[in-house]
Protein backbone atom coordinates (compact mmCIF):
# COMPACT_ATOMS: atom_id res chain seq x y z
CA UNK A 1 0.00 0.00 0.00
CA UNK A 2 1.27 3.44 -0.91
CA UNK A 3 2.25 5.97 1.73
CA UNK A 4 1.21 9.54 0.92
CA UNK A 5 2.72 12.59 2.59
CA UNK A 6 1.26 16.03 2.00
CA UNK A 7 3.23 19.06 3.09
CA UNK A 8 3.43 22.79 2.53
CA UNK A 9 7.05 23.80 1.91
CA UNK A 10 8.90 26.98 1.05
CA UNK A 11 9.82 26.59 -2.61
CA UNK A 12 13.49 25.97 -3.26
CA UNK A 13 14.22 25.77 0.47
CA UNK A 14 12.87 22.41 1.62
CA UNK A 15 15.05 20.75 4.26
CA UNK A 16 15.34 17.37 5.97
CA UNK A 17 13.84 18.98 9.07
CA UNK A 18 10.12 19.20 9.79
CA UNK A 19 7.74 18.64 8.16
CA UNK A 20 9.51 16.36 5.64
CA UNK A 21 12.26 14.61 7.63
CA UNK A 22 10.12 13.17 10.43
CA UNK A 23 7.49 12.01 7.93
CA UNK A 24 9.97 10.43 5.49
CA UNK A 25 12.42 8.92 8.01
CA UNK A 26 10.36 5.88 9.06
CA UNK A 27 9.62 5.03 5.41
CA UNK A 28 13.23 4.16 4.59
CA UNK A 29 13.70 6.53 1.64
CA UNK A 30 16.73 8.72 1.03
CA UNK A 31 15.49 11.94 2.61
CA UNK A 32 18.11 14.17 0.99
CA UNK A 33 17.29 12.84 -2.50
CA UNK A 34 13.62 13.62 -1.92
CA UNK A 35 14.40 17.09 -0.50
CA UNK A 36 16.75 17.90 -3.40
CA UNK A 37 14.13 16.79 -5.94
CA UNK A 38 11.48 18.95 -4.24
CA UNK A 39 13.82 21.95 -4.32
CA UNK A 40 14.57 21.33 -8.01
CA UNK A 41 10.87 21.07 -8.89
CA UNK A 42 9.91 24.17 -6.89
CA UNK A 43 12.75 26.53 -7.83
CA UNK A 44 10.47 28.56 -10.13
CA UNK A 45 8.29 29.48 -7.14
CA UNK A 46 11.22 30.46 -4.90
CA UNK A 47 10.20 32.02 -1.61
CA UNK A 48 6.53 31.02 -1.95
CA UNK A 49 4.67 28.33 -0.03
CA UNK A 50 3.80 25.43 -2.34
CA UNK A 51 1.89 22.22 -1.65
CA UNK A 52 3.87 19.01 -2.20
CA UNK A 53 2.52 15.47 -2.34
CA UNK A 54 5.03 12.64 -1.92
CA UNK A 55 3.81 9.14 -2.77
CA UNK A 56 6.00 6.20 -1.74
CA UNK A 57 5.17 2.72 -2.99
CA UNK A 58 7.74 -0.03 -2.67
CA UNK A 59 11.02 1.71 -3.41
CA UNK A 60 9.48 4.23 -5.79
CA UNK A 61 9.06 7.85 -4.78
CA UNK A 62 6.75 10.13 -6.76
CA UNK A 63 6.78 13.84 -6.01
CA UNK A 64 4.06 16.12 -7.31
CA UNK A 65 4.24 19.83 -6.71
CA UNK A 66 1.14 21.97 -6.61
CA UNK A 67 1.06 25.50 -7.83
CA UNK A 68 0.56 28.63 -5.74
CA UNK A 69 -2.62 30.59 -6.48
CA UNK A 70 -2.50 32.84 -9.55
CA UNK A 71 -2.98 35.87 -7.32
CA UNK A 72 0.16 34.94 -5.34
CA UNK A 73 2.17 34.69 -8.56
CA UNK A 74 0.87 38.08 -9.71
CA UNK A 75 1.80 39.65 -6.36
CA UNK A 76 5.27 38.11 -6.61
CA UNK A 77 5.77 39.52 -10.12
CA UNK A 78 4.67 42.95 -8.93
CA UNK A 79 6.73 42.79 -5.76
CA UNK A 80 3.77 43.50 -3.51
CA UNK A 81 2.61 41.58 -0.46
CA UNK A 82 -1.05 42.55 -0.41
CA UNK A 83 -3.31 43.62 -3.26
CA UNK A 84 -5.32 45.91 -0.99
CA UNK A 85 -7.81 48.32 -2.48
CA UNK A 86 -9.93 50.93 -0.79
CA UNK A 87 -12.35 51.06 -3.71
CA UNK A 88 -12.89 49.27 -6.99
CA UNK A 89 -11.17 52.09 -8.87
CA UNK A 90 -7.89 51.72 -6.94
CA UNK A 91 -5.01 50.29 -8.97
CA UNK A 92 -2.35 48.45 -6.95
CA UNK A 93 0.04 47.65 -9.79
CA UNK A 94 0.66 47.07 -13.47
CA UNK A 95 1.61 43.72 -15.00
CA UNK A 96 3.21 43.55 -18.42
CA UNK A 97 1.72 41.14 -20.92
CA UNK A 98 5.05 39.26 -20.85
CA UNK A 99 4.72 38.81 -17.07
CA UNK A 100 1.14 37.59 -17.52
CA UNK A 101 2.30 35.06 -20.14
CA UNK A 102 5.06 33.88 -17.79
CA UNK A 103 2.47 33.26 -15.06
CA UNK A 104 0.14 31.50 -17.52
CA UNK A 105 2.99 29.16 -18.49
CA UNK A 106 3.77 28.46 -14.82
CA UNK A 107 0.11 27.70 -14.02
CA UNK A 108 -0.84 25.97 -17.29
CA UNK A 109 -0.68 22.38 -16.00
CA UNK A 110 -2.83 23.25 -12.98
CA UNK A 111 -5.45 25.13 -15.02
CA UNK A 112 -8.44 23.81 -16.89
CA UNK A 113 -7.37 25.76 -19.96
CA UNK A 114 -6.64 23.83 -23.12
CA UNK A 115 -4.57 26.53 -24.81
CA UNK A 116 -2.00 29.02 -23.59
CA UNK A 117 -4.27 31.76 -24.92
CA UNK A 118 -7.12 30.71 -22.61
CA UNK A 119 -4.67 30.34 -19.70
CA UNK A 120 -3.49 33.90 -20.35
CA UNK A 121 -7.11 35.08 -20.26
CA UNK A 122 -7.52 33.41 -16.85
CA UNK A 123 -4.44 35.19 -15.48
CA UNK A 124 -5.61 38.53 -16.87
CA UNK A 125 -9.06 37.85 -15.41
CA UNK A 126 -7.51 37.45 -11.97
CA UNK A 127 -5.98 40.91 -12.42
CA UNK A 128 -9.50 42.39 -12.64
CA UNK A 129 -10.40 41.44 -9.08
CA UNK A 130 -6.95 42.39 -7.73
CA UNK A 131 -6.91 45.95 -9.06
CA UNK A 132 -4.00 45.26 -11.38
CA UNK A 133 -3.76 46.71 -14.87
CA UNK A 134 -2.06 44.88 -17.73
CA UNK A 135 0.20 46.92 -19.98
CA UNK A 136 -1.42 50.00 -18.44
CA UNK A 137 -4.91 49.01 -19.56
CA UNK A 138 -8.02 47.60 -17.93
CA UNK A 139 -7.66 43.79 -17.90
CA UNK A 140 -11.07 43.43 -19.59
CA UNK A 141 -9.70 45.38 -22.57
CA UNK A 142 -6.65 43.12 -22.63
CA UNK A 143 -8.90 40.04 -22.64
CA UNK A 144 -10.63 41.36 -25.77
CA UNK A 145 -7.22 41.94 -27.37
CA UNK A 146 -6.26 38.36 -26.52
CA UNK A 147 -9.48 37.18 -28.22
CA UNK A 148 -8.57 39.29 -31.26
CA UNK A 149 -5.15 37.60 -31.48
CA UNK A 150 -3.12 40.75 -30.74
CA UNK A 151 -0.69 38.79 -28.53
CA UNK A 152 -0.56 35.52 -30.49
CA UNK A 153 3.01 36.24 -31.63
CA UNK A 154 4.10 36.31 -27.97
CA UNK A 155 2.32 33.06 -27.17
CA UNK A 156 4.15 31.07 -29.83
CA UNK A 157 7.67 32.16 -28.90
C-alpha cells in the first residue's frame, strides 16, 4: 500500500527537518534525494509556499508539486505583499503582458485551460479582481485583445 505525505514547503528551500524529515524517516527513503528533488521542482516558485505530495510505494518515490494561487504569482511579479484596495477604482500595480504570459505558463498544468491563450485570459481575469492593470490598460480590454489575437506572436515564442 502506498504511503502519501502532504506538506506545505517553502519553494526551493525544503530541508530534511520538519515537516519532511520526520514524515519520510520511518519510510526508509533517502530523505536528501527527496528534498533535493522537491527543491529542483519548486525553484520557479522560490520564496513562496507550495503544496507538495510525496507518494512512496515499494522503493518508488513520486513527487508532485502543486502551484501557488494565480494571485500569489501576480503579487510576486509585482513585488507587492497585499493587493489591498480601498475602492474598486484603486489600482495596486501594473503587470506587463510578458509577465502575464510567464504566469500563464507556470500555471498551465494546474489550469483547466486547453490553450496558452485561454490560460493567459484566466491570469488577466484574476488581475481584474486584484486591481492590477495589464500593460497600463483595464484587464477586460486586454482580454478582448487576446481574443482578437493581438498577442498571439508572444504566445508562440
